[in-house]
Amino acid sequence: TPDITPGAPCWIDLMTSNTDTAKQFYGDLFGWEFQTG
């Protein structure tokens, strides 16, 4: 697991108008799998 020190980037997220489109696109492009909270 990355050693994330204070002040360093630790997370990213996408604010999107269409989560289904985003999951399809990034899932296919980057090989991501998804869990919905």
PDB file of all heavy atoms in Angstrom:
ATOM      1  N   THR A   1       0.842  -1.187   0.000  1.00  0.00           N
ATOM      2  CA  THR A   1       0.000   0.000   0.000  1.00  0.00           C
ATOM      3  C   THR A   1       0.881   1.243   0.000  1.00  0.00           C
ATOM      4  O   THR A   1       1.884   1.291   0.718  1.00  0.00           O
ATOM      5  CB  THR A   1      -0.907  -0.005   1.246  1.00  0.00           C
ATOM      6  OG1 THR A   1      -1.738  -1.157   1.199  1.00  0.00           O
ATOM      7  CG2 THR A   1      -1.788   1.228   1.286  1.00  0.00           C
ATOM      8  N   PRO A   2       0.561   2.246  -0.818  1.00  0.00           N
ATOM      9  CA  PRO A   2       1.400   3.438  -0.880  1.00  0.00           C
ATOM     10  C   PRO A   2       1.572   4.097   0.483  1.00  0.00           C
ATOM     11  O   PRO A   2       0.660   4.122   1.304  1.00  0.00           O
ATOM     12  CB  PRO A   2       0.617   4.361  -1.831  1.00  0.00           C
ATOM     13  CG  PRO A   2      -0.258   3.454  -2.621  1.00  0.00           C
ATOM     14  CD  PRO A   2      -0.598   2.312  -1.721  1.00  0.00           C
ATOM     15  N   ASP A   3       2.763   4.613   0.720  1.00  0.00           N
ATOM     16  CA  ASP A   3       3.048   5.366   1.935  1.00  0.00           C
ATOM     17  C   ASP A   3       2.628   6.813   1.698  1.00  0.00           C
ATOM     18  O   ASP A   3       3.341   7.580   1.066  1.00  0.00           O
ATOM     19  CB  ASP A   3       4.546   5.274   2.260  1.00  0.00           C
ATOM     20  CG  ASP A   3       4.907   6.081   3.492  1.00  0.00           C
ATOM     21  OD1 ASP A   3       4.004   6.331   4.319  1.00  0.00           O
ATOM     22  OD2 ASP A   3       6.082   6.467   3.627  1.00  0.00           O
ATOM     23  N   ILE A   4       1.451   7.170   2.192  1.00  0.00           N
ATOM     24  CA  ILE A   4       0.894   8.505   1.943  1.00  0.00           C
ATOM     25  C   ILE A   4       1.164   9.384   3.151  1.00  0.00           C
ATOM     26  O   ILE A   4       0.654   9.144   4.232  1.00  0.00           O
ATOM     27  CB  ILE A   4      -0.618   8.426   1.655  1.00  0.00           C
ATOM     28  CG1 ILE A   4      -0.877   7.541   0.420  1.00  0.00           C
ATOM     29  CG2 ILE A   4      -1.191   9.817   1.438  1.00  0.00           C
ATOM     30  CD1 ILE A   4      -2.335   7.238   0.178  1.00  0.00           C
ATOM     31  N   THR A   5       1.985  10.394   2.962  1.00  0.00           N
ATOM     32  CA  THR A   5       2.351  11.290   4.042  1.00  0.00           C
ATOM     33  C   THR A   5       1.416  12.504   4.057  1.00  0.00           C
ATOM     34  O   THR A   5       0.793  12.830   3.049  1.00  0.00           O
ATOM     35  CB  THR A   5       3.796  11.764   3.866  1.00  0.00           C
ATOM     36  OG1 THR A   5       3.952  12.310   2.546  1.00  0.00           O
ATOM     37  CG2 THR A   5       4.772  10.596   4.021  1.00  0.00           C
ATOM     38  N   PRO A   6       1.294  13.180   5.195  1.00  0.00           N
ATOM     39  CA  PRO A   6       0.439  14.367   5.257  1.00  0.00           C
ATOM     40  C   PRO A   6       0.818  15.382   4.178  1.00  0.00           C
ATOM     41  O   PRO A   6       1.997  15.665   3.956  1.00  0.00           O
ATOM     42  CB  PRO A   6       0.701  14.907   6.663  1.00  0.00           C
ATOM     43  CG  PRO A   6       1.059  13.698   7.463  1.00  0.00           C
ATOM     44  CD  PRO A   6       1.846  12.828   6.525  1.00  0.00           C
ATOM     45  N   GLY A   7      -0.196  15.930   3.506  1.00  0.00           N
ATOM     46  CA  GLY A   7       0.015  16.888   2.442  1.00  0.00           C
ATOM     47  C   GLY A   7       0.101  16.283   1.059  1.00  0.00           C
ATOM     48  O   GLY A   7      -0.017  16.993   0.063  1.00  0.00           O
ATOM     49  N   ALA A   8       0.308  14.978   0.978  1.00  0.00           N
ATOM     50  CA  ALA A   8       0.456  14.316  -0.313  1.00  0.00           C
ATOM     51  C   ALA A   8      -0.901  13.872  -0.859  1.00  0.00           C
ATOM     52  O   ALA A   8      -1.846  13.646  -0.094  1.00  0.00           O
ATOM     53  CB  ALA A   8       1.367  13.101  -0.186  1.00  0.00           C
ATOM     54  N   PRO A   9      -1.023  13.728  -2.175  1.00  0.00           N
ATOM     55  CA  PRO A   9      -2.251  13.178  -2.743  1.00  0.00           C
ATOM     56  C   PRO A   9      -2.546  11.806  -2.152  1.00  0.00           C
ATOM     57  O   PRO A   9      -1.641  10.976  -1.983  1.00  0.00           O
ATOM     58  CB  PRO A   9      -1.938  13.082  -4.238  1.00  0.00           C
ATOM     59  CG  PRO A   9      -0.901  14.134  -4.476  1.00  0.00           C
ATOM     60  CD  PRO A   9      -0.061  14.126  -3.237  1.00  0.00           C
ATOM     61  N   CYS A  10      -3.818  11.573  -1.835  1.00  0.00           N
ATOM     62  CA  CYS A  10      -4.190  10.303  -1.213  1.00  0.00           C
ATOM     63  C   CYS A  10      -5.436   9.680  -1.848  1.00  0.00           C
ATOM     64  O   CYS A  10      -5.732   8.513  -1.600  1.00  0.00           O
ATOM     65  CB  CYS A  10      -4.416  10.476   0.283  1.00  0.00           C
ATOM     66  SG  CYS A  10      -5.803  11.559   0.717  1.00  0.00           S
ATOM     67  N   TRP A  11      -6.164  10.458  -2.668  1.00  0.00           N
ATOM     68  CA  TRP A  11      -7.416   9.937  -3.228  1.00  0.00           C
ATOM     69  C   TRP A  11      -7.808  10.784  -4.431  1.00  0.00           C
ATOM     70  O   TRP A  11      -7.418  11.959  -4.533  1.00  0.00           O
ATOM     71  CB  TRP A  11      -8.528   9.971  -2.185  1.00  0.00           C
ATOM     72  CG  TRP A  11      -9.814   9.281  -2.584  1.00  0.00           C
ATOM     73  CD1 TRP A  11     -11.050   9.854  -2.738  1.00  0.00           C
ATOM     74  CD2 TRP A  11      -9.993   7.893  -2.859  1.00  0.00           C
ATOM     75  NE1 TRP A  11     -11.971   8.903  -3.098  1.00  0.00           N
ATOM     76  CE2 TRP A  11     -11.357   7.677  -3.181  1.00  0.00           C
ATOM     77  CE3 TRP A  11      -9.126   6.788  -2.872  1.00  0.00           C
ATOM     78  CZ2 TRP A  11     -11.880   6.434  -3.510  1.00  0.00           C
ATOM     79  CZ3 TRP A  11      -9.644   5.538  -3.200  1.00  0.00           C
ATOM     80  CH2 TRP A  11     -11.003   5.370  -3.515  1.00  0.00           C
ATOM     81  N   ILE A  12      -8.564  10.172  -5.330  1.00  0.00           N
ATOM     82  CA  ILE A  12      -9.156  10.897  -6.453  1.00  0.00           C
ATOM     83  C   ILE A  12     -10.591  10.434  -6.602  1.00  0.00           C
ATOM     84  O   ILE A  12     -10.931   9.295  -6.274  1.00  0.00           O
ATOM     85  CB  ILE A  12      -8.394  10.640  -7.779  1.00  0.00           C
ATOM     86  CG1 ILE A  12      -8.324   9.138  -8.074  1.00  0.00           C
ATOM     87  CG2 ILE A  12      -7.012  11.258  -7.738  1.00  0.00           C
ATOM     88  CD1 ILE A  12      -7.766   8.803  -9.452  1.00  0.00           C
ATOM     89  N   ASP A  13     -11.436  11.336  -7.074  1.00  0.00           N
ATOM     90  CA  ASP A  13     -12.762  10.871  -7.464  1.00  0.00           C
ATOM     91  C   ASP A  13     -13.306  11.693  -8.620  1.00  0.00           C
ATOM     92  O   ASP A  13     -12.837  12.790  -8.919  1.00  0.00           O
ATOM     93  CB  ASP A  13     -13.753  10.770  -6.293  1.00  0.00           C
ATOM     94  CG  ASP A  13     -14.053  12.057  -5.576  1.00  0.00           C
ATOM     95  OD1 ASP A  13     -13.850  13.141  -6.162  1.00  0.00           O
ATOM     96  OD2 ASP A  13     -14.504  11.988  -4.420  1.00  0.00           O
ATOM     97  N   LEU A  14     -14.284  11.093  -9.269  1.00  0.00           N
ATOM     98  CA  LEU A  14     -14.919  11.668 -10.453  1.00  0.00           C
ATOM     99  C   LEU A  14     -16.328  12.095 -10.104  1.00  0.00           C
ATOM    100  O   LEU A  14     -17.120  11.291  -9.612  1.00  0.00           O
ATOM    101  CB  LEU A  14     -14.960  10.627 -11.573  1.00  0.00           C
ATOM    102  CG  LEU A  14     -15.779  10.982 -12.823  1.00  0.00           C
ATOM    103  CD1 LEU A  14     -15.112  12.111 -13.595  1.00  0.00           C
ATOM    104  CD2 LEU A  14     -15.952   9.750 -13.716  1.00  0.00           C
ATOM    105  N   MET A  15     -16.649  13.360 -10.341  1.00  0.00           N
ATOM    106  CA  MET A  15     -18.029  13.825 -10.258  1.00  0.00           C
ATOM    107  C   MET A  15     -18.578  13.793 -11.678  1.00  0.00           C
ATOM    108  O   MET A  15     -18.064  14.480 -12.565  1.00  0.00           O
ATOM    109  CB  MET A  15     -18.091  15.242  -9.689  1.00  0.00           C
ATOM    110  CG  MET A  15     -19.514  15.743  -9.491  1.00  0.00           C
ATOM    111  SD  MET A  15     -19.574  17.363  -8.666  1.00  0.00           S
ATOM    112  CE  MET A  15     -18.857  18.411  -9.939  1.00  0.00           C
ATOM    113  N   THR A  16     -19.599  12.971 -11.890  1.00  0.00           N
ATOM    114  CA  THR A  16     -20.071  12.721 -13.244  1.00  0.00           C
ATOM    115  C   THR A  16     -21.578  12.858 -13.359  1.00  0.00           C
ATOM    116  O   THR A  16     -22.315  12.617 -12.402  1.00  0.00           O
ATOM    117  CB  THR A  16     -19.639  11.317 -13.727  1.00  0.00           C
ATOM    118  OG1 THR A  16     -20.119  11.089 -15.055  1.00  0.00           O
ATOM    119  CG2 THR A  16     -20.180  10.227 -12.808  1.00  0.00           C
ATOM    120  N   SER A  17     -22.035  13.216 -14.551  1.00  0.00           N
ATOM    121  CA  SER A  17     -23.462  13.323 -14.822  1.00  0.00           C
ATOM    122  C   SER A  17     -24.078  11.965 -15.152  1.00  0.00           C
ATOM    123  O   SER A  17     -25.298  11.845 -15.234  1.00  0.00           O
ATOM    124  CB  SER A  17     -23.707  14.298 -15.978  1.00  0.00           C
ATOM    125  OG  SER A  17     -22.900  13.960 -17.090  1.00  0.00           O
ATOM    126  N   ASN A  18     -23.226  10.933 -15.321  1.00  0.00           N
ATOM    127  CA  ASN A  18     -23.753   9.606 -15.656  1.00  0.00           C
ATOM    128  C   ASN A  18     -22.816   8.532 -15.120  1.00  0.00           C
ATOM    129  O   ASN A  18     -21.802   8.212 -15.734  1.00  0.00           O
ATOM    130  CB  ASN A  18     -23.920   9.471 -17.171  1.00  0.00           C
ATOM    131  CG  ASN A  18     -24.741   8.256 -17.559  1.00  0.00           C
ATOM    132  OD1 ASN A  18     -24.580   7.177 -16.992  1.00  0.00           O
ATOM    133  ND2 ASN A  18     -25.619   8.414 -18.535  1.00  0.00           N
ATOM    134  N   THR A  19     -23.156   7.978 -13.957  1.00  0.00           N
ATOM    135  CA  THR A  19     -22.278   6.986 -13.339  1.00  0.00           C
ATOM    136  C   THR A  19     -22.225   5.691 -14.143  1.00  0.00           C
ATOM    137  O   THR A  19     -21.188   5.019 -14.178  1.00  0.00           O
ATOM    138  CB  THR A  19     -22.715   6.676 -11.896  1.00  0.00           C
ATOM    139  OG1 THR A  19     -24.091   6.261 -11.886  1.00  0.00           O
ATOM    140  CG2 THR A  19     -22.559   7.904 -11.000  1.00  0.00           C
ATOM    141  N   ASP A  20     -23.315   5.316 -14.790  1.00  0.00           N
ATOM    142  CA  ASP A  20     -23.300   4.080 -15.594  1.00  0.00           C
ATOM    143  C   ASP A  20     -22.327   4.204 -16.763  1.00  0.00           C
ATOM    144  O   ASP A  20     -21.545   3.280 -17.044  1.00  0.00           O
ATOM    145  CB  ASP A  20     -24.704   3.753 -16.117  1.00  0.00           C
ATOM    146  CG  ASP A  20     -25.638   3.296 -15.017  1.00  0.00           C
ATOM    147  OD1 ASP A  20     -25.138   2.807 -13.975  1.00  0.00           O
ATOM    148  OD2 ASP A  20     -26.865   3.410 -15.191  1.00  0.00           O
ATOM    149  N   THR A  21     -22.360   5.355 -17.443  1.00  0.00           N
ATOM    150  CA  THR A  21     -21.426   5.588 -18.543  1.00  0.00           C
ATOM    151  C   THR A  21     -19.995   5.590 -18.036  1.00  0.00           C
ATOM    152  O   THR A  21     -19.088   5.021 -18.655  1.00  0.00           O
ATOM    153  CB  THR A  21     -21.742   6.936 -19.229  1.00  0.00           C
ATOM    154  OG1 THR A  21     -23.035   6.871 -19.814  1.00  0.00           O
ATOM    155  CG2 THR A  21     -20.719   7.257 -20.310  1.00  0.00           C
ATOM    156  N   ALA A  22     -19.761   6.230 -16.889  1.00  0.00           N
ATOM    157  CA  ALA A  22     -18.419   6.295 -16.319  1.00  0.00           C
ATOM    158  C   ALA A  22     -17.902   4.901 -15.968  1.00  0.00           C
ATOM    159  O   ALA A  22     -16.742   4.570 -16.258  1.00  0.00           O
ATOM    160  CB  ALA A  22     -18.409   7.193 -15.082  1.00  0.00           C
ATOM    161  N   LYS A  23     -18.740   4.080 -15.361  1.00  0.00           N
ATOM    162  CA  LYS A  23     -18.297   2.735 -14.992  1.00  0.00           C
ATOM    163  C   LYS A  23     -17.962   1.912 -16.232  1.00  0.00           C
ATOM    164  O   LYS A  23     -16.959   1.188 -16.248  1.00  0.00           O
ATOM    165  CB  LYS A  23     -19.379   2.034 -14.155  1.00  0.00           C
ATOM    166  CG  LYS A  23     -19.494   2.586 -12.739  1.00  0.00           C
ATOM    167  CD  LYS A  23     -20.308   1.681 -11.835  1.00  0.00           C
ATOM    168  CE  LYS A  23     -21.756   1.584 -12.246  1.00  0.00           C
ATOM    169  NZ  LYS A  23     -22.521   0.720 -11.306  1.00  0.00           N
ATOM    170  N   GLN A  24     -18.778   2.016 -17.242  1.00  0.00           N
ATOM    171  CA  GLN A  24     -18.522   1.278 -18.479  1.00  0.00           C
ATOM    172  C   GLN A  24     -17.201   1.725 -19.102  1.00  0.00           C
ATOM    173  O   GLN A  24     -16.359   0.910 -19.499  1.00  0.00           O
ATOM    174  CB  GLN A  24     -19.661   1.489 -19.469  1.00  0.00           C
ATOM    175  CG  GLN A  24     -19.532   0.702 -20.771  1.00  0.00           C
ATOM    176  CD  GLN A  24     -19.758  -0.792 -20.584  1.00  0.00           C
ATOM    177  OE1 GLN A  24     -20.730  -1.199 -19.944  1.00  0.00           O
ATOM    178  NE2 GLN A  24     -18.865  -1.600 -21.114  1.00  0.00           N
ATOM    179  N   PHE A  25     -17.009   3.036 -19.181  1.00  0.00           N
ATOM    180  CA  PHE A  25     -15.824   3.591 -19.843  1.00  0.00           C
ATOM    181  C   PHE A  25     -14.548   3.246 -19.085  1.00  0.00           C
ATOM    182  O   PHE A  25     -13.602   2.670 -19.652  1.00  0.00           O
ATOM    183  CB  PHE A  25     -15.988   5.112 -19.963  1.00  0.00           C
ATOM    184  CG  PHE A  25     -14.817   5.810 -20.598  1.00  0.00           C
ATOM    185  CD1 PHE A  25     -14.691   5.856 -21.979  1.00  0.00           C
ATOM    186  CD2 PHE A  25     -13.856   6.448 -19.817  1.00  0.00           C
ATOM    187  CE1 PHE A  25     -13.614   6.514 -22.579  1.00  0.00           C
ATOM    188  CE2 PHE A  25     -12.779   7.102 -20.401  1.00  0.00           C
ATOM    189  CZ  PHE A  25     -12.657   7.128 -21.784  1.00  0.00           C
ATOM    190  N   TYR A  26     -14.488   3.595 -17.817  1.00  0.00           N
ATOM    191  CA  TYR A  26     -13.250   3.389 -17.062  1.00  0.00           C
ATOM    192  C   TYR A  26     -13.031   1.906 -16.741  1.00  0.00           C
ATOM    193  O   TYR A  26     -11.884   1.456 -16.638  1.00  0.00           O
ATOM    194  CB  TYR A  26     -13.252   4.226 -15.789  1.00  0.00           C
ATOM    195  CG  TYR A  26     -13.170   5.713 -16.076  1.00  0.00           C
ATOM    196  CD1 TYR A  26     -14.301   6.528 -16.004  1.00  0.00           C
ATOM    197  CD2 TYR A  26     -11.966   6.304 -16.452  1.00  0.00           C
ATOM    198  CE1 TYR A  26     -14.234   7.884 -16.282  1.00  0.00           C
ATOM    199  CE2 TYR A  26     -11.893   7.663 -16.736  1.00  0.00           C
ATOM    200  CZ  TYR A  26     -13.028   8.445 -16.655  1.00  0.00           C
ATOM    201  OH  TYR A  26     -12.958   9.787 -16.941  1.00  0.00           O
ATOM    202  N   GLY A  27     -14.126   1.166 -16.608  1.00  0.00           N
ATOM    203  CA  GLY A  27     -13.979  -0.267 -16.406  1.00  0.00           C
ATOM    204  C   GLY A  27     -13.302  -0.927 -17.587  1.00  0.00           C
ATOM    205  O   GLY A  27     -12.388  -1.752 -17.432  1.00  0.00           O
ATOM    206  N   ASP A  28     -13.730  -0.562 -18.787  1.00  0.00           N
ATOM    207  CA  ASP A  28     -13.128  -1.137 -19.989  1.00  0.00           C
ATOM    208  C   ASP A  28     -11.720  -0.594 -20.238  1.00  0.00           C
ATOM    209  O   ASP A  28     -10.831  -1.330 -20.670  1.00  0.00           O
ATOM    210  CB  ASP A  28     -14.010  -0.853 -21.210  1.00  0.00           C
ATOM    211  CG  ASP A  28     -15.279  -1.693 -21.230  1.00  0.00           C
ATOM    212  OD1 ASP A  28     -15.366  -2.634 -20.407  1.00  0.00           O
ATOM    213  OD2 ASP A  28     -16.169  -1.406 -22.038  1.00  0.00           O
ATOM    214  N   LEU A  29     -11.516   0.691 -19.978  1.00  0.00           N
ATOM    215  CA  LEU A  29     -10.231   1.316 -20.288  1.00  0.00           C
ATOM    216  C   LEU A  29      -9.133   0.899 -19.318  1.00  0.00           C
ATOM    217  O   LEU A  29      -8.001   0.610 -19.743  1.00  0.00           O
ATOM    218  CB  LEU A  29     -10.379   2.843 -20.270  1.00  0.00           C
ATOM    219  CG  LEU A  29      -9.154   3.656 -20.686  1.00  0.00           C
ATOM    220  CD1 LEU A  29      -8.745   3.343 -22.125  1.00  0.00           C
ATOM    221  CD2 LEU A  29      -9.419   5.155 -20.523  1.00  0.00           C
ATOM    222  N   PHE A  30      -9.463   0.857 -18.035  1.00  0.00           N
ATOM    223  CA  PHE A  30      -8.439   0.607 -17.016  1.00  0.00           C
ATOM    224  C   PHE A  30      -8.570  -0.739 -16.306  1.00  0.00           C
ATOM    225  O   PHE A  30      -7.744  -1.060 -15.447  1.00  0.00           O
ATOM    226  CB  PHE A  30      -8.483   1.723 -15.956  1.00  0.00           C
ATOM    227  CG  PHE A  30      -8.105   3.086 -16.474  1.00  0.00           C
ATOM    228  CD1 PHE A  30      -8.801   4.219 -16.035  1.00  0.00           C
ATOM    229  CD2 PHE A  30      -7.056   3.258 -17.360  1.00  0.00           C
ATOM    230  CE1 PHE A  30      -8.452   5.487 -16.490  1.00  0.00           C
ATOM    231  CE2 PHE A  30      -6.707   4.521 -17.822  1.00  0.00           C
ATOM    232  CZ  PHE A  30      -7.398   5.641 -17.386  1.00  0.00           C
ATOM    233  N   GLY A  31      -9.609  -1.509 -16.627  1.00  0.00           N
ATOM    234  CA  GLY A  31      -9.781  -2.794 -15.958  1.00  0.00           C
ATOM    235  C   GLY A  31     -10.293  -2.659 -14.534  1.00  0.00           C
ATOM    236  O   GLY A  31      -9.993  -3.490 -13.673  1.00  0.00           O
ATOM    237  N   TRP A  32     -11.094  -1.635 -14.295  1.00  0.00           N
ATOM    238  CA  TRP A  32     -11.628  -1.415 -12.950  1.00  0.00           C
ATOM    239  C   TRP A  32     -12.865  -2.256 -12.696  1.00  0.00           C
ATOM    240  O   TRP A  32     -13.641  -2.559 -13.592  1.00  0.00           O
ATOM    241  CB  TRP A  32     -12.009   0.051 -12.763  1.00  0.00           C
ATOM    242  CG  TRP A  32     -10.859   0.998 -12.685  1.00  0.00           C
ATOM    243  CD1 TRP A  32      -9.520   0.688 -12.682  1.00  0.00           C
ATOM    244  CD2 TRP A  32     -10.929   2.426 -12.605  1.00  0.00           C
ATOM    245  NE1 TRP A  32      -8.762   1.830 -12.603  1.00  0.00           N
ATOM    246  CE2 TRP A  32      -9.595   2.911 -12.552  1.00  0.00           C
ATOM    247  CE3 TRP A  32     -11.985   3.335 -12.575  1.00  0.00           C
ATOM    248  CZ2 TRP A  32      -9.305   4.274 -12.468  1.00  0.00           C
ATOM    249  CZ3 TRP A  32     -11.690   4.697 -12.495  1.00  0.00           C
ATOM    250  CH2 TRP A  32     -10.368   5.161 -12.435  1.00  0.00           C
ATOM    251  N   GLU A  33     -13.059  -2.587 -11.422  1.00  0.00           N
ATOM    252  CA  GLU A  33     -14.298  -3.177 -10.917  1.00  0.00           C
ATOM    253  C   GLU A  33     -14.866  -2.221  -9.878  1.00  0.00           C
ATOM    254  O   GLU A  33     -14.132  -1.400  -9.322  1.00  0.00           O
ATOM    255  CB  GLU A  33     -14.033  -4.561 -10.319  1.00  0.00           C
ATOM    256  CG  GLU A  33     -13.521  -5.554 -11.358  1.00  0.00           C
ATOM    257  CD  GLU A  33     -13.225  -6.908 -10.773  1.00  0.00           C
ATOM    258  OE1 GLU A  33     -12.978  -6.993  -9.538  1.00  0.00           O
ATOM    259  OE2 GLU A  33     -13.234  -7.895 -11.530  1.00  0.00           O
ATOM    260  N   PHE A  34     -16.162  -2.335  -9.611  1.00  0.00           N
ATOM    261  CA  PHE A  34     -16.830  -1.290  -8.835  1.00  0.00           C
ATOM    262  C   PHE A  34     -17.677  -1.860  -7.698  1.00  0.00           C
ATOM    263  O   PHE A  34     -18.256  -2.943  -7.811  1.00  0.00           O
ATOM    264  CB  PHE A  34     -17.726  -0.447  -9.754  1.00  0.00           C
ATOM    265  CG  PHE A  34     -16.985   0.168 -10.901  1.00  0.00           C
ATOM    266  CD1 PHE A  34     -16.956  -0.466 -12.140  1.00  0.00           C
ATOM    267  CD2 PHE A  34     -16.294   1.358 -10.751  1.00  0.00           C
ATOM    268  CE1 PHE A  34     -16.262   0.079 -13.202  1.00  0.00           C
ATOM    269  CE2 PHE A  34     -15.597   1.915 -11.799  1.00  0.00           C
ATOM    270  CZ  PHE A  34     -15.575   1.271 -13.036  1.00  0.00           C
ATOM    271  N   GLN A  35     -17.734  -1.084  -6.607  1.00  0.00           N
ATOM    272  CA  GLN A  35     -18.627  -1.371  -5.493  1.00  0.00           C
ATOM    273  C   GLN A  35     -19.386  -0.095  -5.165  1.00  0.00           C
ATOM    274  O   GLN A  35     -18.784   0.987  -5.093  1.00  0.00           O
ATOM    275  CB  GLN A  35     -17.838  -1.836  -4.258  1.00  0.00           C
ATOM    276  CG  GLN A  35     -17.186  -3.198  -4.413  1.00  0.00           C
ATOM    277  CD  GLN A  35     -16.430  -3.601  -3.146  1.00  0.00           C
ATOM    278  OE1 GLN A  35     -15.709  -2.798  -2.562  1.00  0.00           O
ATOM    279  NE2 GLN A  35     -16.598  -4.837  -2.731  1.00  0.00           N
ATOM    280  N   THR A  36     -20.695  -0.215  -4.957  1.00  0.00           N
ATOM    281  CA  THR A  36     -21.530   0.948  -4.634  1.00  0.00           C
ATOM    282  C   THR A  36     -21.826   0.972  -3.149  1.00  0.00           C
ATOM    283  O   THR A  36     -22.304  -0.023  -2.584  1.00  0.00           O
ATOM    284  CB  THR A  36     -22.840   0.922  -5.432  1.00  0.00           C
ATOM    285  OG1 THR A  36     -22.529   0.885  -6.823  1.00  0.00           O
ATOM    286  CG2 THR A  36     -23.673   2.152  -5.139  1.00  0.00           C
ATOM    287  N   GLY A  37     -21.545   2.101  -2.506  1.00  0.00           N
ATOM    288  CA  GLY A  37     -21.749   2.220  -1.073  1.00  0.00           C
ATOM    289  C   GLY A  37     -23.217   2.388  -0.705  1.00  0.00           C
ATOM    290  O   GLY A  37     -24.073   2.666  -1.557  1.00  0.00           O
TER     291      GLY A  37
END
